[in-house]
Amino acid sequence: MSASARLSQITNQLTPSSLSARDKLTEKHPDDVVITCALRTALTKGGRGGFKDTPAQDLLAGVLRGLIERSGIDPSVVEDIHVGTVLAPGGGATEFRAASLVAGFPVETAVYSLNRQCSSGLQACINIANAIKAGMIDVGVGAGVESMSTQYGPQAVTEFSELLDSHEQAKNCKVSMGLLSEQMAKDRKVPRAAQDAFAASSFQKAEAAQAAGLFDDEIYPLEVNFEDPKSGEITRITVAKDDGIRPGMTAESLGKIRPAFAKDGSIHAGNASQISDGAAAVLMMRRSTAEKLGQPIIGKYVAAAIAGVEPLLMGIGPWAAIPKVFGKTGITKDDVDIFEINEAFASQCLWCLGELGLDPKKVNPKGGAIAFGHPLGCTGARQVSTLLNELRRTGGRIGVTSMCIGTGMGAAAVWVAE
């Protein structure tokens, strides 16, 4: 065989199937589901922060208005908006439809609210992606919102029927998150010192990122009412920064905080996610549609996975979901540039990282929910904005978002920055 013939044979063998899994993910196709804008509000301290007097629907209206403004999208081409939320009465169905209209979307744009607890914002994005893939819509918005200041409290306690209480695993579904985290930390032998060190690192990374302005591009400032807790005076303020980030936190200072759920426990306010308020939104469409509309593409959705685990060990959810989504995409942990894994509790996040063998430098490089908050329904959509912005800033390409889910589940999704 001549040299030229051999070269031709080798060239013909270099088909797409011979590409690495990472290379396959970064290929561009007309039917890709892409993201052209992803943003969030600031996240503020529940009951005390800048959004303490702002209802969930107002946060949603604000972030949707920001999405229209920053993307330049014609609202009339957006066919559906899916909103993840956990605490809103009635799922927020009526209020969120109204919020979309206030934001500037026409009556022809539909709205759907959903609740998959801590993964609700991610599930909203997944639902929109699947609707686009199925040909149901061409353009949609996946969003998430939570006002824990106005809707979190004793009224959220779940009451079970005698039937559900008669089943041991079913009964475990209503155990409080704090007690669940204590159970997991003890069961999986995660020491308090390690938890406090992990939490301190989250605060330190978030403090440095905020000082460097690394959150500015993903945050859309909102002007809201704020009632002074002492005088009762109501003023208009602009909320543009996460206000839960505590400067100067160390493992030593966190080690002095009393356990919150058991005298001999390891979980406390400093190594668990903060109760907070916020909203996020992700504009998604088919690549060919984005090109037709002149929308700048910042990333694409690849795949997602959901997994169930024991209710009392709900924190291990990412450990179950991340390998599952790797199996769907063919990639490994080494192909991933950044992991955004929700820090519901330092104990569960730390254990998952260890069991999965993840490089800590790749995980939550700008801090996580311990440092700036976990507005339940918002987080899954917020992670997409944080991830894509950081991938683009650092020149990374592939990212994974993941979280544990109450009652014993985990979710994960793969994204590619462009």
Foldseek 3Di string as FASTA:
>chain_A
DDPVVVVVVVVVVPDPVPDALLVNQPDDDQQFKFFQDKAKAAKEFAQDTPCLPPDFLQQLLQQLLVRCVVQVDDLAQAAEEEEEAAFDVVLCQVSNLVSNVSSPHDNNHYYHGDYQWQQRQQVQVVVVSVCQNVVVGFKHKRKYWFRCNVGPDPVPQDDDDPVQCVDVLSVLLRDDPLQLLQLQCVVLVPDLLQLLQLLQVLLVLQVVCVVVVLRQVRHDKDWDWDADPPPRDIDIDIRRHQDQRDPPRHSVVVVPDQADPDNPTRHDLLFAFGAITMMMMTMIGRNNVCVVRVRHTFKTWDDKFKWFDRQSNLLQACLVTVVVVCVVSVDALVSAQAEEEARRGSSSVVVSCVVSVHDVCRYSSNHHRSRRGRSRGGVNSNVVSSVSSVCVVVVHFKYKYKYGGRSGMIMMTIMTTD
